[in-house]
Amino acid sequence: MYEDEPGYLVVPHEITTGTDCDGCLMVKERGEVADLVCNSCGSVVDTVPIDHAGQRPMELASAEMCSARCLHCGATNVFRGLTVIEAFFPDI
């Protein structure tokens, strides 16, 4: 996952809503609220209080995503479209 300029998580529109769209949801602050807007089709997927804007993209994406820390290097690996990681393979 990537972050936009203000530091909000950017998630694919397709993963969050199942829409056939190649865009990503971006957080657009608007006073006391924030809109989650697709940068490709322009759809407003959700509007949330500004203090919840950092969490909402992750909540939308988490239904079809899991992550795990690499046992070798410690980096976080994100697996989109999966909900379970069943095994790690040792170094060969």
PDB file of N, CA and C in Angstrom:
ATOM      1  N   MET A   1       0.831  -1.164   0.000  1.00  0.00           N
ATOM      2  CA  MET A   1       0.000   0.000   0.000  1.00  0.00           C
ATOM      3  C   MET A   1       0.886   1.241   0.000  1.00  0.00           C
ATOM      4  N   TYR A   2       0.361   2.282  -0.558  1.00  0.00           N
ATOM      5  CA  TYR A   2       1.093   3.527  -0.657  1.00  0.00           C
ATOM      6  C   TYR A   2       0.401   4.605   0.162  1.00  0.00           C
ATOM      7  N   GLU A   3       1.113   5.706   0.382  1.00  0.00           N
ATOM      8  CA  GLU A   3       0.535   6.850   1.074  1.00  0.00           C
ATOM      9  C   GLU A   3       0.477   8.027   0.122  1.00  0.00           C
ATOM     10  N   ASP A   4      -0.576   8.856   0.250  1.00  0.00           N
ATOM     11  CA  ASP A   4      -0.653  10.070  -0.553  1.00  0.00           C
ATOM     12  C   ASP A   4       0.128  11.177   0.147  1.00  0.00           C
ATOM     13  N   GLU A   5       0.129  12.371  -0.412  1.00  0.00           N
ATOM     14  CA  GLU A   5       0.957  13.456   0.115  1.00  0.00           C
ATOM     15  C   GLU A   5       0.714  13.784   1.587  1.00  0.00           C
ATOM     16  N   PRO A   6      -0.547  13.868   2.072  1.00  0.00           N
ATOM     17  CA  PRO A   6      -0.736  14.151   3.502  1.00  0.00           C
ATOM     18  C   PRO A   6      -0.434  12.948   4.396  1.00  0.00           C
ATOM     19  N   GLY A   7      -0.097  11.785   3.817  1.00  0.00           N
ATOM     20  CA  GLY A   7       0.258  10.617   4.619  1.00  0.00           C
ATOM     21  C   GLY A   7      -0.861   9.619   4.817  1.00  0.00           C
ATOM     22  N   TYR A   8      -1.985   9.786   4.103  1.00  0.00           N
ATOM     23  CA  TYR A   8      -3.081   8.823   4.195  1.00  0.00           C
ATOM     24  C   TYR A   8      -2.787   7.609   3.325  1.00  0.00           C
ATOM     25  N   LEU A   9      -3.262   6.457   3.756  1.00  0.00           N
ATOM     26  CA  LEU A   9      -3.103   5.228   3.001  1.00  0.00           C
ATOM     27  C   LEU A   9      -3.892   5.308   1.704  1.00  0.00           C
ATOM     28  N   VAL A  10      -3.289   4.864   0.610  1.00  0.00           N
ATOM     29  CA  VAL A  10      -3.952   4.814  -0.690  1.00  0.00           C
ATOM     30  C   VAL A  10      -4.233   3.349  -0.996  1.00  0.00           C
ATOM     31  N   VAL A  11      -5.498   3.018  -1.239  1.00  0.00           N
ATOM     32  CA  VAL A  11      -5.868   1.632  -1.516  1.00  0.00           C
ATOM     33  C   VAL A  11      -6.579   1.535  -2.860  1.00  0.00           C
ATOM     34  N   PRO A  12      -6.436   0.403  -3.551  1.00  0.00           N
ATOM     35  CA  PRO A  12      -7.112   0.232  -4.840  1.00  0.00           C
ATOM     36  C   PRO A  12      -8.636   0.242  -4.690  1.00  0.00           C
ATOM     37  N   HIS A  13      -9.301   0.948  -5.569  1.00  0.00           N
ATOM     38  CA  HIS A  13     -10.756   1.032  -5.577  1.00  0.00           C
ATOM     39  C   HIS A  13     -11.366  -0.362  -5.748  1.00  0.00           C
ATOM     40  N   GLU A  14     -10.794  -1.157  -6.622  1.00  0.00           N
ATOM     41  CA  GLU A  14     -11.307  -2.494  -6.913  1.00  0.00           C
ATOM     42  C   GLU A  14     -11.332  -3.386  -5.668  1.00  0.00           C
ATOM     43  N   ILE A  15     -10.295  -3.301  -4.837  1.00  0.00           N
ATOM     44  CA  ILE A  15     -10.231  -4.136  -3.637  1.00  0.00           C
ATOM     45  C   ILE A  15     -11.247  -3.695  -2.596  1.00  0.00           C
ATOM     46  N   THR A  16     -11.444  -2.416  -2.447  1.00  0.00           N
ATOM     47  CA  THR A  16     -12.313  -1.931  -1.380  1.00  0.00           C
ATOM     48  C   THR A  16     -13.799  -2.101  -1.665  1.00  0.00           C
ATOM     49  N   THR A  17     -14.202  -2.029  -2.937  1.00  0.00           N
ATOM     50  CA  THR A  17     -15.632  -2.084  -3.250  1.00  0.00           C
ATOM     51  C   THR A  17     -15.995  -3.174  -4.247  1.00  0.00           C
ATOM     52  N   GLY A  18     -15.014  -3.848  -4.835  1.00  0.00           N
ATOM     53  CA  GLY A  18     -15.297  -4.866  -5.839  1.00  0.00           C
ATOM     54  C   GLY A  18     -15.611  -4.284  -7.209  1.00  0.00           C
ATOM     55  N   THR A  19     -15.453  -2.985  -7.363  1.00  0.00           N
ATOM     56  CA  THR A  19     -15.725  -2.296  -8.622  1.00  0.00           C
ATOM     57  C   THR A  19     -14.643  -2.603  -9.643  1.00  0.00           C
ATOM     58  N   ASP A  20     -15.030  -2.707 -10.901  1.00  0.00           N
ATOM     59  CA  ASP A  20     -14.061  -2.920 -11.972  1.00  0.00           C
ATOM     60  C   ASP A  20     -13.465  -1.565 -12.360  1.00  0.00           C
ATOM     61  N   CYS A  21     -12.522  -1.093 -11.538  1.00  0.00           N
ATOM     62  CA  CYS A  21     -11.916   0.229 -11.732  1.00  0.00           C
ATOM     63  C   CYS A  21     -10.427   0.115 -11.421  1.00  0.00           C
ATOM     64  N   ASP A  22      -9.610   0.769 -12.213  1.00  0.00           N
ATOM     65  CA  ASP A  22      -8.164   0.702 -11.998  1.00  0.00           C
ATOM     66  C   ASP A  22      -7.631   1.831 -11.115  1.00  0.00           C
ATOM     67  N   GLY A  23      -8.521   2.618 -10.538  1.00  0.00           N
ATOM     68  CA  GLY A  23      -8.108   3.747  -9.715  1.00  0.00           C
ATOM     69  C   GLY A  23      -7.821   3.369  -8.273  1.00  0.00           C
ATOM     70  N   CYS A  24      -7.431   4.380  -7.514  1.00  0.00           N
ATOM     71  CA  CYS A  24      -7.153   4.216  -6.088  1.00  0.00           C
ATOM     72  C   CYS A  24      -7.949   5.246  -5.306  1.00  0.00           C
ATOM     73  N   LEU A  25      -8.305   4.886  -4.077  1.00  0.00           N
ATOM     74  CA  LEU A  25      -9.029   5.815  -3.223  1.00  0.00           C
ATOM     75  C   LEU A  25      -8.057   6.755  -2.543  1.00  0.00           C
ATOM     76  N   MET A  26      -8.340   8.026  -2.649  1.00  0.00           N
ATOM     77  CA  MET A  26      -7.530   9.064  -2.045  1.00  0.00           C
ATOM     78  C   MET A  26      -8.391   9.800  -1.025  1.00  0.00           C
ATOM     79  N   VAL A  27      -7.793  10.244   0.068  1.00  0.00           N
ATOM     80  CA  VAL A  27      -8.508  11.005   1.085  1.00  0.00           C
ATOM     81  C   VAL A  27      -8.444  12.480   0.721  1.00  0.00           C
ATOM     82  N   LYS A  28      -9.609  13.092   0.607  1.00  0.00           N
ATOM     83  CA  LYS A  28      -9.710  14.524   0.319  1.00  0.00           C
ATOM     84  C   LYS A  28     -10.362  15.196   1.518  1.00  0.00           C
ATOM     85  N   GLU A  29      -9.571  15.962   2.255  1.00  0.00           N
ATOM     86  CA  GLU A  29     -10.093  16.645   3.441  1.00  0.00           C
ATOM     87  C   GLU A  29     -11.005  17.789   3.024  1.00  0.00           C
ATOM     88  N   ARG A  30     -12.117  17.929   3.780  1.00  0.00           N
ATOM     89  CA  ARG A  30     -13.106  18.953   3.486  1.00  0.00           C
ATOM     90  C   ARG A  30     -13.669  19.464   4.808  1.00  0.00           C
ATOM     91  N   GLY A  31     -12.919  20.362   5.443  1.00  0.00           N
ATOM     92  CA  GLY A  31     -13.338  20.904   6.737  1.00  0.00           C
ATOM     93  C   GLY A  31     -13.289  19.860   7.836  1.00  0.00           C
ATOM     94  N   GLU A  32     -14.450  19.573   8.435  1.00  0.00           N
ATOM     95  CA  GLU A  32     -14.544  18.618   9.549  1.00  0.00           C
ATOM     96  C   GLU A  32     -14.649  17.170   9.077  1.00  0.00           C
ATOM     97  N   VAL A  33     -14.806  16.949   7.753  1.00  0.00           N
ATOM     98  CA  VAL A  33     -14.965  15.601   7.212  1.00  0.00           C
ATOM     99  C   VAL A  33     -13.920  15.343   6.131  1.00  0.00           C
ATOM    100  N   ALA A  34     -13.834  14.078   5.727  1.00  0.00           N
ATOM    101  CA  ALA A  34     -12.940  13.693   4.642  1.00  0.00           C
ATOM    102  C   ALA A  34     -13.689  12.743   3.715  1.00  0.00           C
ATOM    103  N   ASP A  35     -13.525  12.947   2.413  1.00  0.00           N
ATOM    104  CA  ASP A  35     -14.119  12.069   1.410  1.00  0.00           C
ATOM    105  C   ASP A  35     -13.075  11.092   0.913  1.00  0.00           C
ATOM    106  N   LEU A  36     -13.471   9.847   0.707  1.00  0.00           N
ATOM    107  CA  LEU A  36     -12.618   8.863   0.055  1.00  0.00           C
ATOM    108  C   LEU A  36     -13.046   8.830  -1.402  1.00  0.00           C
ATOM    109  N   VAL A  37     -12.200   9.374  -2.279  1.00  0.00           N
ATOM    110  CA  VAL A  37     -12.538   9.600  -3.675  1.00  0.00           C
ATOM    111  C   VAL A  37     -11.609   8.792  -4.570  1.00  0.00           C
ATOM    112  N   CYS A  38     -12.177   8.143  -5.593  1.00  0.00           N
ATOM    113  CA  CYS A  38     -11.370   7.403  -6.560  1.00  0.00           C
ATOM    114  C   CYS A  38     -10.681   8.393  -7.497  1.00  0.00           C
ATOM    115  N   ASN A  39      -9.386   8.212  -7.686  1.00  0.00           N
ATOM    116  CA  ASN A  39      -8.634   9.130  -8.548  1.00  0.00           C
ATOM    117  C   ASN A  39      -8.814   8.837 -10.034  1.00  0.00           C
ATOM    118  N   SER A  40      -9.522   7.750 -10.367  1.00  0.00           N
ATOM    119  CA  SER A  40      -9.748   7.415 -11.763  1.00  0.00           C
ATOM    120  C   SER A  40     -11.178   7.735 -12.204  1.00  0.00           C
ATOM    121  N   CYS A  41     -12.172   7.172 -11.505  1.00  0.00           N
ATOM    122  CA  CYS A  41     -13.566   7.362 -11.921  1.00  0.00           C
ATOM    123  C   CYS A  41     -14.257   8.499 -11.185  1.00  0.00           C
ATOM    124  N   GLY A  42     -13.665   9.008 -10.097  1.00  0.00           N
ATOM    125  CA  GLY A  42     -14.231  10.126  -9.367  1.00  0.00           C
ATOM    126  C   GLY A  42     -15.306   9.779  -8.358  1.00  0.00           C
ATOM    127  N   SER A  43     -15.597   8.490  -8.174  1.00  0.00           N
ATOM    128  CA  SER A  43     -16.624   8.077  -7.211  1.00  0.00           C
ATOM    129  C   SER A  43     -16.221   8.440  -5.793  1.00  0.00           C
ATOM    130  N   VAL A  44     -17.189   8.918  -5.014  1.00  0.00           N
ATOM    131  CA  VAL A  44     -16.979   9.137  -3.589  1.00  0.00           C
ATOM    132  C   VAL A  44     -17.474   7.877  -2.898  1.00  0.00           C
ATOM    133  N   VAL A  45     -16.560   7.099  -2.333  1.00  0.00           N
ATOM    134  CA  VAL A  45     -16.885   5.819  -1.725  1.00  0.00           C
ATOM    135  C   VAL A  45     -17.408   5.982  -0.310  1.00  0.00           C
ATOM    136  N   ASP A  46     -16.892   6.953   0.421  1.00  0.00           N
ATOM    137  CA  ASP A  46     -17.312   7.155   1.800  1.00  0.00           C
ATOM    138  C   ASP A  46     -16.953   8.568   2.229  1.00  0.00           C
ATOM    139  N   THR A  47     -17.678   9.064   3.214  1.00  0.00           N
ATOM    140  CA  THR A  47     -17.366  10.340   3.863  1.00  0.00           C
ATOM    141  C   THR A  47     -17.332  10.068   5.353  1.00  0.00           C
ATOM    142  N   VAL A  48     -16.222  10.446   5.989  1.00  0.00           N
ATOM    143  CA  VAL A  48     -16.022  10.148   7.412  1.00  0.00           C
ATOM    144  C   VAL A  48     -15.559  11.400   8.150  1.00  0.00           C
ATOM    145  N   PRO A  49     -15.720  11.420   9.484  1.00  0.00           N
ATOM    146  CA  PRO A  49     -15.149  12.524  10.259  1.00  0.00           C
ATOM    147  C   PRO A  49     -13.639  12.585  10.031  1.00  0.00           C
ATOM    148  N   ILE A  50     -13.080  13.765  10.034  1.00  0.00           N
ATOM    149  CA  ILE A  50     -11.663  13.958   9.723  1.00  0.00           C
ATOM    150  C   ILE A  50     -10.744  13.132  10.620  1.00  0.00           C
ATOM    151  N   ASP A  51     -11.122  12.921  11.875  1.00  0.00           N
ATOM    152  CA  ASP A  51     -10.262  12.141  12.773  1.00  0.00           C
ATOM    153  C   ASP A  51     -10.315  10.643  12.497  1.00  0.00           C
ATOM    154  N   HIS A  52     -11.218  10.203  11.637  1.00  0.00           N
ATOM    155  CA  HIS A  52     -11.322   8.786  11.266  1.00  0.00           C
ATOM    156  C   HIS A  52     -10.760   8.532   9.861  1.00  0.00           C
ATOM    157  N   ALA A  53     -10.311   9.587   9.185  1.00  0.00           N
ATOM    158  CA  ALA A  53      -9.859   9.487   7.801  1.00  0.00           C
ATOM    159  C   ALA A  53      -8.628   8.599   7.629  1.00  0.00           C
ATOM    160  N   GLY A  54      -7.769   8.522   8.614  1.00  0.00           N
ATOM    161  CA  GLY A  54      -6.588   7.678   8.508  1.00  0.00           C
ATOM    162  C   GLY A  54      -6.883   6.202   8.648  1.00  0.00           C
ATOM    163  N   GLN A  55      -7.961   5.849   9.348  1.00  0.00           N
ATOM    164  CA  GLN A  55      -8.309   4.456   9.579  1.00  0.00           C
ATOM    165  C   GLN A  55      -9.226   3.874   8.518  1.00  0.00           C
ATOM    166  N   ARG A  56     -10.106   4.682   7.974  1.00  0.00           N
ATOM    167  CA  ARG A  56     -11.144   4.160   7.082  1.00  0.00           C
ATOM    168  C   ARG A  56     -10.620   3.462   5.832  1.00  0.00           C
ATOM    169  N   PRO A  57      -9.597   3.970   5.135  1.00  0.00           N
ATOM    170  CA  PRO A  57      -9.101   3.231   3.967  1.00  0.00           C
ATOM    171  C   PRO A  57      -8.618   1.828   4.336  1.00  0.00           C
ATOM    172  N   MET A  58      -7.958   1.680   5.473  1.00  0.00           N
ATOM    173  CA  MET A  58      -7.490   0.369   5.890  1.00  0.00           C
ATOM    174  C   MET A  58      -8.656  -0.549   6.237  1.00  0.00           C
ATOM    175  N   GLU A  59      -9.691  -0.006   6.863  1.00  0.00           N
ATOM    176  CA  GLU A  59     -10.872  -0.812   7.174  1.00  0.00           C
ATOM    177  C   GLU A  59     -11.517  -1.336   5.896  1.00  0.00           C
ATOM    178  N   LEU A  60     -11.618  -0.505   4.876  1.00  0.00           N
ATOM    179  CA  LEU A  60     -12.215  -0.918   3.613  1.00  0.00           C
ATOM    180  C   LEU A  60     -11.376  -1.984   2.915  1.00  0.00           C
ATOM    181  N   ALA A  61     -10.073  -1.874   3.003  1.00  0.00           N
ATOM    182  CA  ALA A  61      -9.184  -2.809   2.322  1.00  0.00           C
ATOM    183  C   ALA A  61      -8.948  -4.086   3.105  1.00  0.00           C
ATOM    184  N   SER A  62      -9.166  -4.068   4.397  1.00  0.00           N
ATOM    185  CA  SER A  62      -8.767  -5.206   5.231  1.00  0.00           C
ATOM    186  C   SER A  62      -9.578  -6.463   5.002  1.00  0.00           C
ATOM    187  N   ALA A  63     -10.746  -6.362   4.394  1.00  0.00           N
ATOM    188  CA  ALA A  63     -11.553  -7.557   4.164  1.00  0.00           C
ATOM    189  C   ALA A  63     -10.854  -8.544   3.234  1.00  0.00           C
ATOM    190  N   GLU A  64     -10.028  -8.067   2.327  1.00  0.00           N
ATOM    191  CA  GLU A  64      -9.341  -8.944   1.389  1.00  0.00           C
ATOM    192  C   GLU A  64      -7.853  -8.663   1.370  1.00  0.00           C
ATOM    193  N   MET A  65      -7.254  -8.632   2.543  1.00  0.00           N
ATOM    194  CA  MET A  65      -5.830  -8.364   2.619  1.00  0.00           C
ATOM    195  C   MET A  65      -5.288  -8.918   3.926  1.00  0.00           C
ATOM    196  N   CYS A  66      -4.092  -9.438   3.889  1.00  0.00           N
ATOM    197  CA  CYS A  66      -3.429  -9.823   5.129  1.00  0.00           C
ATOM    198  C   CYS A  66      -1.957  -9.457   4.988  1.00  0.00           C
ATOM    199  N   SER A  67      -1.278  -9.400   6.101  1.00  0.00           N
ATOM    200  CA  SER A  67       0.136  -9.056   6.073  1.00  0.00           C
ATOM    201  C   SER A  67       0.872  -9.893   7.094  1.00  0.00           C
ATOM    202  N   ALA A  68       2.179 -10.021   6.884  1.00  0.00           N
ATOM    203  CA  ALA A  68       3.029 -10.762   7.812  1.00  0.00           C
ATOM    204  C   ALA A  68       4.438 -10.205   7.725  1.00  0.00           C
ATOM    205  N   ARG A  69       5.144 -10.282   8.818  1.00  0.00           N
ATOM    206  CA  ARG A  69       6.526  -9.822   8.877  1.00  0.00           C
ATOM    207  C   ARG A  69       7.447 -10.955   8.414  1.00  0.00           C
ATOM    208  N   CYS A  70       8.384 -10.635   7.530  1.00  0.00           N
ATOM    209  CA  CYS A  70       9.345 -11.608   7.025  1.00  0.00           C
ATOM    210  C   CYS A  70      10.227 -12.100   8.174  1.00  0.00           C
ATOM    211  N   LEU A  71      10.346 -13.393   8.287  1.00  0.00           N
ATOM    212  CA  LEU A  71      11.157 -13.980   9.349  1.00  0.00           C
ATOM    213  C   LEU A  71      12.649 -13.743   9.131  1.00  0.00           C
ATOM    214  N   HIS A  72      13.046 -13.478   7.894  1.00  0.00           N
ATOM    215  CA  HIS A  72      14.466 -13.291   7.572  1.00  0.00           C
ATOM    216  C   HIS A  72      14.904 -11.829   7.730  1.00  0.00           C
ATOM    217  N   CYS A  73      14.184 -10.903   7.067  1.00  0.00           N
ATOM    218  CA  CYS A  73      14.630  -9.502   7.048  1.00  0.00           C
ATOM    219  C   CYS A  73      13.783  -8.570   7.910  1.00  0.00           C
ATOM    220  N   GLY A  74      12.610  -9.018   8.348  1.00  0.00           N
ATOM    221  CA  GLY A  74      11.763  -8.192   9.183  1.00  0.00           C
ATOM    222  C   GLY A  74      10.835  -7.250   8.431  1.00  0.00           C
ATOM    223  N   ALA A  75      10.883  -7.255   7.097  1.00  0.00           N
ATOM    224  CA  ALA A  75      10.019  -6.385   6.304  1.00  0.00           C
ATOM    225  C   ALA A  75       8.580  -6.885   6.360  1.00  0.00           C
ATOM    226  N   THR A  76       7.627  -5.958   6.273  1.00  0.00           N
ATOM    227  CA  THR A  76       6.225  -6.342   6.245  1.00  0.00           C
ATOM    228  C   THR A  76       5.811  -6.646   4.818  1.00  0.00           C
ATOM    229  N   ASN A  77       5.200  -7.801   4.619  1.00  0.00           N
ATOM    230  CA  ASN A  77       4.695  -8.218   3.316  1.00  0.00           C
ATOM    231  C   ASN A  77       3.181  -8.131   3.342  1.00  0.00           C
ATOM    232  N   VAL A  78       2.593  -7.477   2.340  1.00  0.00           N
ATOM    233  CA  VAL A  78       1.144  -7.340   2.240  1.00  0.00           C
ATOM    234  C   VAL A  78       0.672  -8.206   1.087  1.00  0.00           C
ATOM    235  N   PHE A  79      -0.336  -9.038   1.353  1.00  0.00           N
ATOM    236  CA  PHE A  79      -0.881  -9.946   0.355  1.00  0.00           C
ATOM    237  C   PHE A  79      -2.324  -9.531   0.069  1.00  0.00           C
ATOM    238  N   ARG A  80      -2.534  -8.833  -1.045  1.00  0.00           N
ATOM    239  CA  ARG A  80      -3.874  -8.376  -1.416  1.00  0.00           C
ATOM    240  C   ARG A  80      -4.671  -9.546  -1.986  1.00  0.00           C
ATOM    241  N   GLY A  81      -5.939  -9.573  -1.674  1.00  0.00           N
ATOM    242  CA  GLY A  81      -6.804 -10.621  -2.185  1.00  0.00           C
ATOM    243  C   GLY A  81      -6.750 -11.900  -1.379  1.00  0.00           C
ATOM    244  N   LEU A  82      -5.964 -11.936  -0.328  1.00  0.00           N
ATOM    245  CA  LEU A  82      -5.858 -13.115   0.533  1.00  0.00           C
ATOM    246  C   LEU A  82      -6.253 -12.725   1.950  1.00  0.00           C
ATOM    247  N   THR A  83      -6.738 -13.696   2.699  1.00  0.00           N
ATOM    248  CA  THR A  83      -7.101 -13.425   4.082  1.00  0.00           C
ATOM    249  C   THR A  83      -6.287 -14.244   5.070  1.00  0.00           C
ATOM    250  N   VAL A  84      -5.505 -15.225   4.575  1.00  0.00           N
ATOM    251  CA  VAL A  84      -4.719 -16.090   5.443  1.00  0.00           C
ATOM    252  C   VAL A  84      -3.377 -16.383   4.794  1.00  0.00           C
ATOM    253  N   ILE A  85      -2.320 -16.402   5.611  1.00  0.00           N
ATOM    254  CA  ILE A  85      -1.004 -16.859   5.169  1.00  0.00           C
ATOM    255  C   ILE A  85      -0.775 -18.172   5.884  1.00  0.00           C
ATOM    256  N   GLU A  86      -0.680 -19.265   5.140  1.00  0.00           N
ATOM    257  CA  GLU A  86      -0.595 -20.583   5.770  1.00  0.00           C
ATOM    258  C   GLU A  86       0.814 -21.056   6.046  1.00  0.00           C
ATOM    259  N   ALA A  87       1.815 -20.580   5.291  1.00  0.00           N
ATOM    260  CA  ALA A  87       3.154 -21.114   5.482  1.00  0.00           C
ATOM    261  C   ALA A  87       4.204 -20.106   5.018  1.00  0.00           C
ATOM    262  N   PHE A  88       5.354 -20.201   5.635  1.00  0.00           N
ATOM    263  CA  PHE A  88       6.538 -19.477   5.199  1.00  0.00           C
ATOM    264  C   PHE A  88       7.534 -20.520   4.701  1.00  0.00           C
ATOM    265  N   PHE A  89       8.224 -20.213   3.624  1.00  0.00           N
ATOM    266  CA  PHE A  89       9.200 -21.144   3.112  1.00  0.00           C
ATOM    267  C   PHE A  89      10.590 -20.728   3.587  1.00  0.00           C
ATOM    268  N   PRO A  90      11.390 -21.678   4.056  1.00  0.00           N
ATOM    269  CA  PRO A  90      12.737 -21.340   4.512  1.00  0.00           C
ATOM    270  C   PRO A  90      13.630 -20.958   3.334  1.00  0.00           C
ATOM    271  N   ASP A  91      14.719 -20.264   3.655  1.00  0.00           N
ATOM    272  CA  ASP A  91      15.693 -19.926   2.617  1.00  0.00           C
ATOM    273  C   ASP A  91      16.229 -21.192   1.989  1.00  0.00           C
ATOM    274  N   ILE A  92      16.419 -21.130   0.682  1.00  0.00           N
ATOM    275  CA  ILE A  92      16.952 -22.302  -0.026  1.00  0.00           C
ATOM    276  C   ILE A  92      18.402 -22.081  -0.318  1.00  0.00           C
TER     277      ILE A  92
END
